[in-house]
């Protein structure tokens, strides 16, 4: 989907380093946009102005599914580089596939603790603690084999191919 400007907490350091370069670069297309708009419509709250549904049109379920699938396309590499984000995102994608839930990363992890095998609970708890700021993601001792195994099993459960 095309966009005019994109900003998130994830990009904040880039913006602080070179604000003008960041502002120039942050336009184009984004496969995640369908997911962002779907989540906005499912859980967004208006602070001021018209209702969300009057500003943004509906996003087809297939566009949302394609968007969240693209976010986990290279998950076996991503889970080692960004374990907290990827573990919670895999839970969130699985929750959508299994229960048609449109939920946050945190809620995805909480769903995973309820729905996924207990062998994955310590990994999910680590990710939730990092997400909540209770532990520094860079300090957590992530088990690379465990992360990759989780990614592969989740991909298989989702019916997607591993990289």
C-alpha atoms as a PDB file:
ATOM      1  CA  UNK A   1       0.000   0.000   0.000  1.00  0.00           C
ATOM      2  CA  UNK A   2       1.266   3.500  -0.736  1.00  0.00           C
ATOM      3  CA  UNK A   3       1.798   6.071   2.020  1.00  0.00           C
ATOM      4  CA  UNK A   4       2.845   9.700   2.312  1.00  0.00           C
ATOM      5  CA  UNK A   5       4.663   9.484   5.663  1.00  0.00           C
ATOM      6  CA  UNK A   6       5.454   6.716   8.142  1.00  0.00           C
ATOM      7  CA  UNK A   7       6.690   7.049  11.698  1.00  0.00           C
ATOM      8  CA  UNK A   8       6.961   4.666  14.619  1.00  0.00           C
ATOM      9  CA  UNK A   9       8.916   4.244  17.833  1.00  0.00           C
ATOM     10  CA  UNK A  10      11.093   1.755  15.928  1.00  0.00           C
ATOM     11  CA  UNK A  11      12.319   4.557  13.635  1.00  0.00           C
ATOM     12  CA  UNK A  12      12.799   7.212  16.330  1.00  0.00           C
ATOM     13  CA  UNK A  13      16.602   6.902  16.553  1.00  0.00           C
ATOM     14  CA  UNK A  14      16.924   7.261  12.755  1.00  0.00           C
ATOM     15  CA  UNK A  15      14.813  10.396  12.934  1.00  0.00           C
ATOM     16  CA  UNK A  16      16.905  11.838  15.775  1.00  0.00           C
ATOM     17  CA  UNK A  17      20.195  11.198  13.933  1.00  0.00           C
ATOM     18  CA  UNK A  18      19.183  12.734  10.592  1.00  0.00           C
ATOM     19  CA  UNK A  19      15.702  14.264  10.706  1.00  0.00           C
ATOM     20  CA  UNK A  20      15.692  15.709   7.185  1.00  0.00           C
ATOM     21  CA  UNK A  21      16.995  12.516   5.579  1.00  0.00           C
ATOM     22  CA  UNK A  22      14.420  10.515   7.532  1.00  0.00           C
ATOM     23  CA  UNK A  23      11.564  12.778   6.424  1.00  0.00           C
ATOM     24  CA  UNK A  24      12.664  12.465   2.777  1.00  0.00           C
ATOM     25  CA  UNK A  25      12.988   8.677   2.950  1.00  0.00           C
ATOM     26  CA  UNK A  26       9.774   7.808   4.761  1.00  0.00           C
ATOM     27  CA  UNK A  27       7.328   7.747   1.883  1.00  0.00           C
ATOM     28  CA  UNK A  28       6.542   5.052  -0.668  1.00  0.00           C
ATOM     29  CA  UNK A  29       4.878   1.685  -0.131  1.00  0.00           C
ATOM     30  CA  UNK A  30       4.663  -0.564   2.906  1.00  0.00           C
ATOM     31  CA  UNK A  31       3.372  -4.139   3.002  1.00  0.00           C
ATOM     32  CA  UNK A  32       2.644  -3.649   6.730  1.00  0.00           C
ATOM     33  CA  UNK A  33       0.184  -0.835   6.121  1.00  0.00           C
ATOM     34  CA  UNK A  34      -2.814  -3.139   5.656  1.00  0.00           C
ATOM     35  CA  UNK A  35      -2.029  -4.657   9.062  1.00  0.00           C
ATOM     36  CA  UNK A  36      -1.635  -1.245  10.715  1.00  0.00           C
ATOM     37  CA  UNK A  37      -4.946  -0.027   9.307  1.00  0.00           C
ATOM     38  CA  UNK A  38      -6.734  -3.234  10.321  1.00  0.00           C
ATOM     39  CA  UNK A  39      -5.413  -2.952  13.874  1.00  0.00           C
ATOM     40  CA  UNK A  40      -6.327   0.740  13.934  1.00  0.00           C
ATOM     41  CA  UNK A  41      -9.898  -0.139  12.999  1.00  0.00           C
ATOM     42  CA  UNK A  42     -10.063  -3.003  15.503  1.00  0.00           C
ATOM     43  CA  UNK A  43      -8.476  -1.286  18.504  1.00  0.00           C
ATOM     44  CA  UNK A  44      -7.858   2.372  17.708  1.00  0.00           C
ATOM     45  CA  UNK A  45      -9.293   5.143  19.830  1.00  0.00           C
ATOM     46  CA  UNK A  46     -10.107   8.601  18.566  1.00  0.00           C
ATOM     47  CA  UNK A  47      -8.658  11.371  20.678  1.00  0.00           C
ATOM     48  CA  UNK A  48      -9.981  14.189  18.550  1.00  0.00           C
ATOM     49  CA  UNK A  49     -11.842  14.369  15.261  1.00  0.00           C
ATOM     50  CA  UNK A  50     -14.078  12.044  13.282  1.00  0.00           C
ATOM     51  CA  UNK A  51     -14.568   8.341  13.891  1.00  0.00           C
ATOM     52  CA  UNK A  52     -11.875   6.010  12.525  1.00  0.00           C
ATOM     53  CA  UNK A  53     -14.359   4.320  10.194  1.00  0.00           C
ATOM     54  CA  UNK A  54     -15.180   7.639   8.552  1.00  0.00           C
ATOM     55  CA  UNK A  55     -11.496   8.396   7.881  1.00  0.00           C
ATOM     56  CA  UNK A  56     -10.250   4.943   6.854  1.00  0.00           C
ATOM     57  CA  UNK A  57     -12.045   2.484   4.617  1.00  0.00           C
ATOM     58  CA  UNK A  58     -12.312  -1.219   5.359  1.00  0.00           C
ATOM     59  CA  UNK A  59      -9.311  -3.473   4.755  1.00  0.00           C
ATOM     60  CA  UNK A  60     -10.156  -6.828   3.148  1.00  0.00           C
ATOM     61  CA  UNK A  61      -9.296  -9.837   5.330  1.00  0.00           C
ATOM     62  CA  UNK A  62      -7.091 -11.191   2.526  1.00  0.00           C
ATOM     63  CA  UNK A  63      -5.060  -7.954   2.497  1.00  0.00           C
ATOM     64  CA  UNK A  64      -4.579  -8.193   6.273  1.00  0.00           C
ATOM     65  CA  UNK A  65      -3.549 -11.859   6.047  1.00  0.00           C
ATOM     66  CA  UNK A  66      -1.096 -11.109   3.216  1.00  0.00           C
ATOM     67  CA  UNK A  67       0.333  -8.227   5.244  1.00  0.00           C
ATOM     68  CA  UNK A  68       0.947 -10.213   8.418  1.00  0.00           C
ATOM     69  CA  UNK A  69       2.325 -13.145   6.416  1.00  0.00           C
ATOM     70  CA  UNK A  70       4.830 -10.834   4.699  1.00  0.00           C
ATOM     71  CA  UNK A  71       5.950  -9.650   8.128  1.00  0.00           C
ATOM     72  CA  UNK A  72       7.102 -13.181   8.961  1.00  0.00           C
ATOM     73  CA  UNK A  73       8.522 -14.067   5.528  1.00  0.00           C
ATOM     74  CA  UNK A  74      12.136 -14.396   6.730  1.00  0.00           C
ATOM     75  CA  UNK A  75      11.276 -15.354  10.277  1.00  0.00           C
ATOM     76  CA  UNK A  76      14.122 -17.838  10.835  1.00  0.00           C
ATOM     77  CA  UNK A  77      16.642 -15.025  10.374  1.00  0.00           C
ATOM     78  CA  UNK A  78      14.518 -12.320  11.995  1.00  0.00           C
ATOM     79  CA  UNK A  79      13.880 -14.317  15.166  1.00  0.00           C
ATOM     80  CA  UNK A  80      17.615 -14.370  15.921  1.00  0.00           C
ATOM     81  CA  UNK A  81      18.072 -10.669  15.111  1.00  0.00           C
ATOM     82  CA  UNK A  82      14.861  -9.371  16.752  1.00  0.00           C
ATOM     83  CA  UNK A  83      13.697 -12.141  19.093  1.00  0.00           C
ATOM     84  CA  UNK A  84      11.166 -10.209  21.184  1.00  0.00           C
ATOM     85  CA  UNK A  85       9.390  -8.693  18.206  1.00  0.00           C
ATOM     86  CA  UNK A  86       9.410 -11.919  16.192  1.00  0.00           C
ATOM     87  CA  UNK A  87       8.257 -14.258  18.969  1.00  0.00           C
ATOM     88  CA  UNK A  88       5.307 -12.006  19.810  1.00  0.00           C
ATOM     89  CA  UNK A  89       4.512 -11.394  16.156  1.00  0.00           C
ATOM     90  CA  UNK A  90       4.421 -15.141  15.424  1.00  0.00           C
ATOM     91  CA  UNK A  91       1.980 -15.575  18.309  1.00  0.00           C
ATOM     92  CA  UNK A  92      -0.152 -12.745  16.945  1.00  0.00           C
ATOM     93  CA  UNK A  93      -0.209 -14.202  13.426  1.00  0.00           C
ATOM     94  CA  UNK A  94      -1.113 -17.641  14.771  1.00  0.00           C
ATOM     95  CA  UNK A  95      -3.924 -16.121  16.870  1.00  0.00           C
ATOM     96  CA  UNK A  96      -5.349 -14.549  13.730  1.00  0.00           C
ATOM     97  CA  UNK A  97      -5.097 -17.744  11.719  1.00  0.00           C
ATOM     98  CA  UNK A  98      -6.578 -19.937  14.444  1.00  0.00           C
ATOM     99  CA  UNK A  99      -9.113 -17.620  16.090  1.00  0.00           C
ATOM    100  CA  UNK A 100      -9.419 -14.640  13.681  1.00  0.00           C
ATOM    101  CA  UNK A 101      -8.139 -12.337  16.443  1.00  0.00           C
ATOM    102  CA  UNK A 102      -6.736  -8.959  15.505  1.00  0.00           C
ATOM    103  CA  UNK A 103      -4.512  -8.212  18.480  1.00  0.00           C
ATOM    104  CA  UNK A 104      -1.361  -6.421  19.619  1.00  0.00           C
ATOM    105  CA  UNK A 105       2.025  -8.056  20.079  1.00  0.00           C
ATOM    106  CA  UNK A 106       1.466  -8.136  23.837  1.00  0.00           C
ATOM    107  CA  UNK A 107      -1.958  -9.735  23.448  1.00  0.00           C
ATOM    108  CA  UNK A 108      -0.412 -12.164  20.950  1.00  0.00           C
ATOM    109  CA  UNK A 109       2.091 -13.275  23.571  1.00  0.00           C
ATOM    110  CA  UNK A 110      -0.653 -13.623  26.163  1.00  0.00           C
ATOM    111  CA  UNK A 111      -2.667 -15.664  23.646  1.00  0.00           C
ATOM    112  CA  UNK A 112       0.430 -17.833  23.073  1.00  0.00           C
ATOM    113  CA  UNK A 113       0.682 -18.556  26.801  1.00  0.00           C
ATOM    114  CA  UNK A 114      -2.907 -19.791  26.727  1.00  0.00           C
ATOM    115  CA  UNK A 115      -2.917 -21.636  23.401  1.00  0.00           C
ATOM    116  CA  UNK A 116       0.599 -22.834  22.554  1.00  0.00           C
ATOM    117  CA  UNK A 117       2.409 -25.826  24.098  1.00  0.00           C
ATOM    118  CA  UNK A 118       4.015 -25.177  27.491  1.00  0.00           C
ATOM    119  CA  UNK A 119       7.487 -25.844  26.075  1.00  0.00           C
ATOM    120  CA  UNK A 120       7.292 -22.379  24.448  1.00  0.00           C
ATOM    121  CA  UNK A 121       6.034 -20.515  27.513  1.00  0.00           C
ATOM    122  CA  UNK A 122       9.495 -19.529  28.875  1.00  0.00           C
ATOM    123  CA  UNK A 123      10.406 -18.056  25.468  1.00  0.00           C
ATOM    124  CA  UNK A 124       7.112 -16.191  25.224  1.00  0.00           C
ATOM    125  CA  UNK A 125       7.479 -14.922  28.815  1.00  0.00           C
ATOM    126  CA  UNK A 126      10.964 -13.588  27.983  1.00  0.00           C
ATOM    127  CA  UNK A 127       9.560 -11.778  24.961  1.00  0.00           C
ATOM    128  CA  UNK A 128       6.680 -10.325  26.981  1.00  0.00           C
ATOM    129  CA  UNK A 129       9.067  -9.145  29.724  1.00  0.00           C
ATOM    130  CA  UNK A 130      11.269  -7.429  27.129  1.00  0.00           C
ATOM    131  CA  UNK A 131       8.228  -5.879  25.454  1.00  0.00           C
ATOM    132  CA  UNK A 132       6.998  -4.507  28.789  1.00  0.00           C
ATOM    133  CA  UNK A 133      10.444  -3.059  29.514  1.00  0.00           C
ATOM    134  CA  UNK A 134      10.955  -5.380  32.490  1.00  0.00           C
ATOM    135  CA  UNK A 135      14.083  -6.849  30.889  1.00  0.00           C
ATOM    136  CA  UNK A 136      16.497  -5.433  28.336  1.00  0.00           C
ATOM    137  CA  UNK A 137      16.154  -7.482  25.156  1.00  0.00           C
ATOM    138  CA  UNK A 138      19.903  -7.130  24.552  1.00  0.00           C
ATOM    139  CA  UNK A 139      20.700  -8.655  27.966  1.00  0.00           C
ATOM    140  CA  UNK A 140      18.317 -11.609  27.797  1.00  0.00           C
ATOM    141  CA  UNK A 141      20.049 -14.905  27.087  1.00  0.00           C
ATOM    142  CA  UNK A 142      18.051 -16.017  24.093  1.00  0.00           C
ATOM    143  CA  UNK A 143      18.650 -19.606  23.017  1.00  0.00           C
ATOM    144  CA  UNK A 144      19.322 -19.487  19.277  1.00  0.00           C
ATOM    145  CA  UNK A 145      18.345 -23.168  18.711  1.00  0.00           C
ATOM    146  CA  UNK A 146      15.143 -22.619  20.710  1.00  0.00           C
ATOM    147  CA  UNK A 147      14.293 -19.461  18.748  1.00  0.00           C
ATOM    148  CA  UNK A 148      14.829 -21.168  15.395  1.00  0.00           C
ATOM    149  CA  UNK A 149      12.850 -24.236  16.495  1.00  0.00           C
ATOM    150  CA  UNK A 150       9.967 -21.996  17.591  1.00  0.00           C
ATOM    151  CA  UNK A 151      10.036 -20.167  14.246  1.00  0.00           C
ATOM    152  CA  UNK A 152      10.028 -23.412  12.254  1.00  0.00           C
ATOM    153  CA  UNK A 153       7.201 -24.964  14.254  1.00  0.00           C
ATOM    154  CA  UNK A 154       5.101 -21.824  14.049  1.00  0.00           C
ATOM    155  CA  UNK A 155       5.641 -21.636  10.278  1.00  0.00           C
ATOM    156  CA  UNK A 156       4.584 -25.272   9.948  1.00  0.00           C
ATOM    157  CA  UNK A 157       1.459 -24.646  12.058  1.00  0.00           C
ATOM    158  CA  UNK A 158       0.685 -21.629   9.905  1.00  0.00           C
ATOM    159  CA  UNK A 159       1.084 -23.777   6.788  1.00  0.00           C
ATOM    160  CA  UNK A 160       3.891 -21.552   5.484  1.00  0.00           C
ATOM    161  CA  UNK A 161       7.245 -22.543   4.070  1.00  0.00           C
ATOM    162  CA  UNK A 162      10.451 -21.832   5.960  1.00  0.00           C
ATOM    163  CA  UNK A 163      13.189 -19.847   4.218  1.00  0.00           C
END
